[in-house]
Amino acid sequence: MRPCIGPSQEGSLHENHDRGATAVLARGVHGASTPPAALFAMLDGHGQEGAQVSGFSQKNLFAACTAALAAGHGPSEAVAYAFEKTAAALEGRSGIDCRFSGSTAVLALITPSPSGRVITVGFVGDSRAIVGRAKPGRAGGRAQAELMTLMLTRDHKPDDPKERLRLQQARAVVRPSRVQHPTTGQFVEVGCTRVWDTGQVYGVAMSRSLGDTQCHPFLIATPDVESRPLNEKDVKLVMATDGVWDVMKNEEAMAIAASLAPDQAAQKIVHESATRWDKQMPGRRDDITCLVVDLAAADLQL
C-alpha cells in the first residue's frame, strides 16, 4: 500500500475539515486472495466536529471497502458496504458527537476486469469526481489539452430533482435559513436551500452526508454508486471538495490537470481556488482540497 495525501488549503473560519487520500492496494495486503485495487477518497467535514467526522470516515471507508473486497464482494457491493459500515461506526462507536456535524464523501475504487479496468464511485454530498477523456482522434490522450470532462458524481443538493422528490415523499422541511429583518422584525429567508430537522433548529445545505444525525431520517448516508469502464482514452481523474467547485468549473480544473504533472496540477487548482475565494469573498474562504490522478500511471495498471 502506498498512501498519498492531496494538497489542501485551510479555510478562513476554522481548522481544516477536508480529508483527501489515495492508496494502491497490491495482492496480499489483506490476505492472499485480496484482488489488486486502487482507492481514492475525498471528504469535506462541516460543523463543530467536522474534522473528526471526515477523518474517522476516510479511514473507515478505506478499511471497510478493502475488507469487503477481500471477502469476495464485487466493486459496487464493496463501495456500498463501506458507506454502510462507516455510517454505523460513526454513529455507534466513534465517540464523536455527530448530531450537528457531518461530512461529504466520495470513494472511488479502480479494479481490473476481463476487458480492462473499471472505476466504481460511491458518493454522498457535494464533493465531486470527474474524469478527463481524450477527444476522438487523440490517440492515448497524448494531446492532453483536448480532454473532455466526464462527471462521475452528482451533487446531492436539496434542489436536485431526484433528491427533491425523495425529500417531498419523506415530508422533510426544505428551505433557506430564516433571519429577522433588522428594520421590520419579520423573518426573511436567506442563503442556500437546506434540509432541516423536525424542530427546524439545524439545517444542512445538502441532502446526503455522513453524520448530521439531527436531520435523520430526511438527510441520509446512503450513497449513489456508479460504475463505468476505463479505457486508454481516460487519462486523468480529479477529485475535490466544494472549496474548488464553488469557484471553478469542471472544465477549468480538468484543463489544469491536463497541462501539468498530477502533483503540480493539484497544487495549482488549490492555489487558484484560494485566490478566487479571497478576491470574491474576502474572509469567507472555504477549505480547499484536490487530488489529481494520472490514470496511465504504472501503479494503476492493475
Protein backbone atom coordinates (compact mmCIF):
# COMPACT_ATOMS: atom_id res chain seq x y z
CA MET A 1 0.00 0.00 0.00
CA ARG A 2 1.32 3.43 -0.88
CA PRO A 3 -0.72 6.25 0.69
CA CYS A 4 -0.71 9.78 -0.70
CA ILE A 5 -2.41 12.93 0.59
CA GLY A 6 -3.57 15.61 -1.83
CA PRO A 7 -2.78 19.32 -1.34
CA SER A 8 -5.20 21.21 0.91
CA GLN A 9 -5.72 24.85 1.91
CA GLU A 10 -7.35 25.66 5.23
CA GLY A 11 -10.32 27.99 5.11
CA SER A 12 -10.66 31.35 6.83
CA LEU A 13 -13.15 30.45 9.55
CA HIS A 14 -11.96 27.24 11.26
CA GLU A 15 -9.48 24.37 11.20
CA ASN A 16 -9.33 22.35 8.00
CA HIS A 17 -12.21 19.85 7.87
CA ASP A 18 -11.27 18.39 4.47
CA ARG A 19 -9.68 14.97 4.02
CA GLY A 20 -8.32 13.52 0.79
CA ALA A 21 -6.27 10.36 0.39
CA THR A 22 -5.25 7.64 -2.06
CA ALA A 23 -3.96 4.11 -1.66
CA VAL A 24 -2.87 1.46 -4.16
CA LEU A 25 -3.56 -1.99 -2.75
CA ALA A 26 -1.45 -4.91 -4.02
CA ARG A 27 -2.36 -8.57 -3.66
CA GLY A 28 -1.66 -9.97 -0.23
CA VAL A 29 -2.08 -6.74 1.75
CA HIS A 30 -5.21 -8.16 3.38
CA GLY A 31 -4.66 -11.83 2.61
CA ALA A 32 -3.52 -13.74 -0.47
CA SER A 33 -6.97 -13.54 -2.04
CA THR A 34 -7.17 -9.74 -2.00
CA PRO A 35 -7.60 -8.53 -5.58
CA PRO A 36 -5.49 -5.62 -6.84
CA ALA A 37 -7.26 -2.30 -6.44
CA ALA A 38 -6.74 1.44 -6.08
CA LEU A 39 -8.78 3.52 -3.65
CA PHE A 40 -9.29 7.29 -3.62
CA ALA A 41 -11.31 9.34 -1.13
CA MET A 42 -12.37 12.95 -0.85
CA LEU A 43 -14.28 14.23 2.20
CA ASP A 44 -15.40 17.63 3.44
CA GLY A 45 -16.46 17.89 7.06
CA HIS A 46 -18.77 20.53 8.48
CA GLY A 47 -19.99 21.55 11.93
CA GLN A 48 -18.03 21.77 15.17
CA GLU A 49 -16.81 18.17 14.92
CA GLY A 50 -16.40 18.23 11.14
CA ALA A 51 -12.67 17.47 11.15
CA GLN A 52 -13.18 14.43 13.39
CA VAL A 53 -16.10 13.17 11.30
CA SER A 54 -14.22 13.42 8.00
CA GLY A 55 -11.01 11.92 9.39
CA PHE A 56 -12.78 8.97 11.02
CA SER A 57 -14.90 8.41 7.92
CA GLN A 58 -11.96 8.41 5.49
CA LYS A 59 -10.11 5.73 7.43
CA ASN A 60 -13.21 3.59 7.86
CA LEU A 61 -14.27 3.86 4.21
CA PHE A 62 -10.87 2.52 3.12
CA ALA A 63 -10.84 -0.25 5.74
CA ALA A 64 -14.40 -1.42 5.10
CA CYS A 65 -14.06 -1.36 1.31
CA THR A 66 -10.80 -3.32 1.44
CA ALA A 67 -12.31 -5.87 3.82
CA ALA A 68 -15.31 -6.32 1.52
CA LEU A 69 -13.07 -6.90 -1.49
CA ALA A 70 -11.02 -9.45 0.45
CA ALA A 71 -14.26 -11.23 1.37
CA GLY A 72 -15.10 -11.63 -2.32
CA HIS A 73 -17.63 -8.84 -2.82
CA GLY A 74 -17.77 -7.09 -6.18
CA PRO A 75 -16.76 -3.43 -6.54
CA SER A 76 -20.27 -1.93 -6.26
CA GLU A 77 -21.12 -4.08 -3.26
CA ALA A 78 -17.81 -3.23 -1.59
CA VAL A 79 -18.30 0.51 -2.02
CA ALA A 80 -21.91 0.42 -0.76
CA TYR A 81 -20.82 -1.75 2.18
CA ALA A 82 -18.06 0.73 3.04
CA PHE A 83 -20.57 3.57 3.40
CA GLU A 84 -22.99 1.42 5.41
CA LYS A 85 -20.31 0.28 7.85
CA THR A 86 -18.76 3.75 8.14
CA ALA A 87 -22.09 5.43 8.90
CA ALA A 88 -22.89 2.79 11.54
CA ALA A 89 -19.44 3.07 13.12
CA LEU A 90 -19.58 6.86 13.13
CA GLU A 91 -22.92 6.88 14.94
CA GLY A 92 -22.24 3.88 17.17
CA ARG A 93 -18.63 3.55 18.32
CA SER A 94 -16.64 6.57 17.14
CA GLY A 95 -17.20 8.63 20.29
CA ILE A 96 -17.83 11.64 18.03
CA ASP A 97 -20.94 13.74 18.61
CA CYS A 98 -22.20 13.80 15.04
CA ARG A 99 -25.68 15.15 15.69
CA PHE A 100 -24.75 18.60 14.42
CA SER A 101 -21.66 17.69 12.39
CA GLY A 102 -21.12 15.64 9.26
CA SER A 103 -19.10 15.13 6.11
CA THR A 104 -19.46 14.71 2.39
CA ALA A 105 -17.66 11.70 0.94
CA VAL A 106 -16.57 10.40 -2.44
CA LEU A 107 -15.00 6.94 -2.54
CA ALA A 108 -13.55 5.84 -5.88
CA LEU A 109 -12.38 2.27 -6.48
CA ILE A 110 -10.43 1.11 -9.56
CA THR A 111 -10.36 -2.63 -10.18
CA PRO A 112 -9.35 -4.88 -13.08
CA SER A 113 -11.94 -6.57 -15.29
CA PRO A 114 -11.72 -9.03 -18.20
CA SER A 115 -11.99 -6.14 -20.65
CA GLY A 116 -9.73 -3.67 -18.83
CA ARG A 117 -10.31 -1.56 -15.72
CA VAL A 118 -13.48 -0.36 -14.04
CA ILE A 119 -13.94 2.67 -11.80
CA THR A 120 -16.70 2.44 -9.20
CA VAL A 121 -17.68 5.57 -7.30
CA GLY A 122 -19.88 5.96 -4.23
CA PHE A 123 -20.76 9.43 -3.03
CA VAL A 124 -22.82 11.50 -0.60
CA GLY A 125 -22.91 15.29 -0.53
CA ASP A 126 -21.27 17.76 -2.88
CA SER A 127 -17.63 16.81 -3.14
CA ARG A 128 -17.04 15.79 -6.72
CA ALA A 129 -15.08 13.46 -9.03
CA ILE A 130 -14.51 13.95 -12.77
CA VAL A 131 -12.57 12.08 -15.46
CA GLY A 132 -10.69 13.60 -18.39
CA ARG A 133 -11.08 11.64 -21.63
CA ALA A 134 -9.07 12.31 -24.80
CA LYS A 135 -11.26 13.50 -27.65
CA PRO A 136 -11.74 11.19 -30.65
CA GLY A 137 -8.63 11.05 -32.78
CA ARG A 138 -6.27 11.87 -29.92
CA ALA A 139 -4.53 8.53 -29.59
CA GLY A 140 -3.80 7.62 -25.99
CA GLY A 141 -4.78 11.07 -24.83
CA ARG A 142 -1.38 12.49 -25.72
CA ALA A 143 -2.85 15.84 -26.76
CA GLN A 144 -3.99 16.34 -23.19
CA ALA A 145 -5.18 19.89 -23.65
CA GLU A 146 -8.03 18.32 -25.63
CA LEU A 147 -9.66 16.37 -22.79
CA MET A 148 -13.41 16.01 -22.46
CA THR A 149 -14.71 16.26 -18.89
CA LEU A 150 -16.98 13.46 -17.71
CA MET A 151 -18.86 13.61 -14.39
CA LEU A 152 -18.54 10.61 -12.10
CA THR A 153 -20.67 12.08 -9.30
CA ARG A 154 -23.75 14.24 -8.94
CA ASP A 155 -24.03 16.82 -6.16
CA HIS A 156 -26.59 15.80 -3.54
CA LYS A 157 -28.38 19.12 -3.13
CA PRO A 158 -31.96 19.59 -1.89
CA ASP A 159 -32.98 21.16 -5.21
CA ASP A 160 -31.69 18.25 -7.34
CA PRO A 161 -34.84 16.74 -8.96
CA LYS A 162 -34.20 13.21 -7.66
CA GLU A 163 -33.37 14.45 -4.17
CA ARG A 164 -36.27 16.91 -4.12
CA LEU A 165 -38.73 14.10 -4.85
CA ARG A 166 -37.25 11.89 -2.14
CA LEU A 167 -37.42 14.71 0.39
CA GLN A 168 -41.01 15.55 -0.56
CA GLN A 169 -42.03 11.94 -0.07
CA ALA A 170 -40.32 11.95 3.34
CA ARG A 171 -42.20 15.17 4.28
CA ALA A 172 -38.94 16.94 5.00
CA VAL A 173 -38.73 20.67 5.67
CA VAL A 174 -36.60 22.14 2.87
CA ARG A 175 -35.97 25.89 2.83
CA PRO A 176 -33.22 28.50 3.31
CA SER A 177 -32.28 29.80 6.75
CA ARG A 178 -34.57 32.38 8.32
CA VAL A 179 -33.30 35.56 9.99
CA GLN A 180 -35.11 38.52 11.49
CA HIS A 181 -35.09 41.66 9.36
CA PRO A 182 -33.36 44.47 11.31
CA THR A 183 -35.98 47.06 10.34
CA THR A 184 -39.32 45.26 10.03
CA GLY A 185 -38.68 42.50 12.54
CA GLN A 186 -40.18 39.99 10.12
CA PHE A 187 -38.38 36.74 9.38
CA VAL A 188 -36.91 36.51 5.88
CA GLU A 189 -35.22 33.61 4.11
CA VAL A 190 -31.54 33.98 3.21
CA GLY A 191 -28.82 31.82 1.76
CA CYS A 192 -28.95 28.38 0.16
CA THR A 193 -31.67 25.76 0.49
CA ARG A 194 -31.24 23.42 3.44
CA VAL A 195 -32.71 20.20 4.83
CA TRP A 196 -33.95 20.81 8.40
CA ASP A 197 -34.52 18.62 11.42
CA THR A 198 -38.08 18.18 12.71
CA GLY A 199 -37.66 21.07 15.15
CA GLN A 200 -36.17 23.31 12.44
CA VAL A 201 -33.17 24.03 14.62
CA TYR A 202 -30.40 22.57 12.45
CA GLY A 203 -30.25 22.70 8.67
CA VAL A 204 -27.74 21.17 6.22
CA ALA A 205 -27.08 22.54 2.74
CA MET A 206 -27.06 19.08 1.15
CA SER A 207 -29.40 16.11 1.07
CA ARG A 208 -26.97 13.28 1.89
CA SER A 209 -23.95 13.07 4.18
CA LEU A 210 -22.18 11.00 6.79
CA GLY A 211 -23.19 12.14 10.27
CA ASP A 212 -25.67 15.03 10.77
CA THR A 213 -27.91 12.64 12.69
CA GLN A 214 -30.05 15.53 13.96
CA CYS A 215 -31.53 15.70 10.44
CA HIS A 216 -32.28 11.99 10.13
CA PRO A 217 -34.33 10.42 8.59
CA PHE A 218 -34.52 13.15 5.95
CA LEU A 219 -30.80 13.55 5.34
CA ILE A 220 -29.37 10.08 4.58
CA ALA A 221 -25.94 8.43 4.42
CA THR A 222 -26.90 6.01 1.62
CA PRO A 223 -24.58 6.66 -1.34
CA ASP A 224 -25.31 6.66 -5.02
CA VAL A 225 -22.97 4.07 -6.53
CA GLU A 226 -21.97 4.15 -10.20
CA SER A 227 -19.53 2.04 -12.25
CA ARG A 228 -18.03 2.65 -15.67
CA PRO A 229 -15.21 1.09 -17.68
CA LEU A 230 -11.93 2.91 -18.15
CA ASN A 231 -10.01 2.73 -21.41
CA GLU A 232 -6.79 4.19 -22.79
CA LYS A 233 -8.50 7.50 -23.54
CA ASP A 234 -9.40 8.06 -19.86
CA VAL A 235 -6.22 9.75 -18.69
CA LYS A 236 -6.97 11.96 -15.68
CA LEU A 237 -9.07 11.71 -12.51
CA VAL A 238 -9.76 14.86 -10.49
CA MET A 239 -11.45 14.75 -7.08
CA ALA A 240 -12.04 17.84 -4.95
CA THR A 241 -14.21 19.38 -2.26
CA ASP A 242 -16.61 22.23 -2.92
CA GLY A 243 -13.89 24.69 -1.99
CA VAL A 244 -12.80 24.09 -5.58
CA TRP A 245 -16.18 23.59 -7.29
CA ASP A 246 -17.79 26.71 -5.79
CA VAL A 247 -15.30 28.89 -7.67
CA MET A 248 -14.04 26.74 -10.55
CA LYS A 249 -15.86 24.92 -13.35
CA ASN A 250 -15.21 21.25 -14.01
CA GLU A 251 -13.64 22.06 -17.38
CA GLU A 252 -11.25 24.59 -15.85
CA ALA A 253 -9.97 22.09 -13.29
CA MET A 254 -9.54 19.44 -15.97
CA ALA A 255 -7.65 21.84 -18.24
CA ILE A 256 -5.16 22.41 -15.42
CA ALA A 257 -4.93 18.66 -14.75
CA ALA A 258 -4.26 18.05 -18.44
CA SER A 259 -1.41 20.53 -18.65
CA LEU A 260 0.73 19.59 -15.63
CA ALA A 261 2.04 16.64 -13.66
CA PRO A 262 -0.56 15.44 -11.12
CA ASP A 263 1.07 16.93 -8.00
CA GLN A 264 1.68 20.26 -9.73
CA ALA A 265 -1.85 20.31 -11.14
CA ALA A 266 -3.46 19.66 -7.77
CA GLN A 267 -1.37 22.39 -6.17
CA LYS A 268 -2.33 24.85 -8.92
CA ILE A 269 -6.04 24.05 -8.64
CA VAL A 270 -5.92 24.61 -4.86
CA HIS A 271 -3.91 27.84 -5.21
CA GLU A 272 -6.15 29.25 -7.94
CA SER A 273 -9.29 28.37 -5.98
CA ALA A 274 -7.93 30.06 -2.83
CA THR A 275 -7.06 33.18 -4.84
CA ARG A 276 -10.61 33.35 -6.22
CA TRP A 277 -12.17 32.92 -2.78
CA ASP A 278 -10.02 35.69 -1.32
CA LYS A 279 -10.86 38.01 -4.20
CA GLN A 280 -14.58 37.27 -4.49
CA MET A 281 -15.42 36.65 -0.81
CA PRO A 282 -12.70 38.09 1.46
CA GLY A 283 -12.62 36.38 4.84
CA ARG A 284 -15.02 33.64 3.72
CA ARG A 285 -12.62 31.18 2.07
CA ASP A 286 -13.73 27.57 2.38
CA ASP A 287 -11.40 24.63 2.96
CA ILE A 288 -9.96 23.55 -0.40
CA THR A 289 -8.62 20.06 -1.20
CA CYS A 290 -7.85 18.37 -4.51
CA LEU A 291 -6.47 15.08 -5.85
CA VAL A 292 -5.27 14.69 -9.44
CA VAL A 293 -4.53 11.16 -10.62
CA ASP A 294 -2.72 10.04 -13.78
CA LEU A 295 -4.78 7.04 -14.82
CA ALA A 296 -1.92 5.85 -17.04
CA ALA A 297 0.48 5.57 -14.09
CA ALA A 298 2.19 2.20 -13.58
CA ASP A 299 0.60 1.75 -10.13
CA LEU A 300 -2.84 1.82 -11.71
CA GLN A 301 -2.21 -0.78 -14.39
CA LEU A 302 -3.91 -3.40 -12.22
